[in-house]
């Protein structure tokens, strides 16, 4: 998350605003993806590379993502 914070702060956001923005986006994305992906999202935001080994088998659970990008 350090890299993301640095990029947002380079846009002129304060550290507090940056942390609020990241938390808001994380909450929004978590509300749109299956709960089984929340840990993976937390890993990415923490700056870790999540294990994507089993993701192909879980793609069926992503059918609701169309609404995330404005499609219905």
Foldseek 3Di string as FASTA:
>chain_A
DVVQLVVVVVVPDDSVVSVVVVVVVLVVVCVQADVVCNVVSVCVVVVHHDDCVCVVVVVVRNPRCCVVVPHD
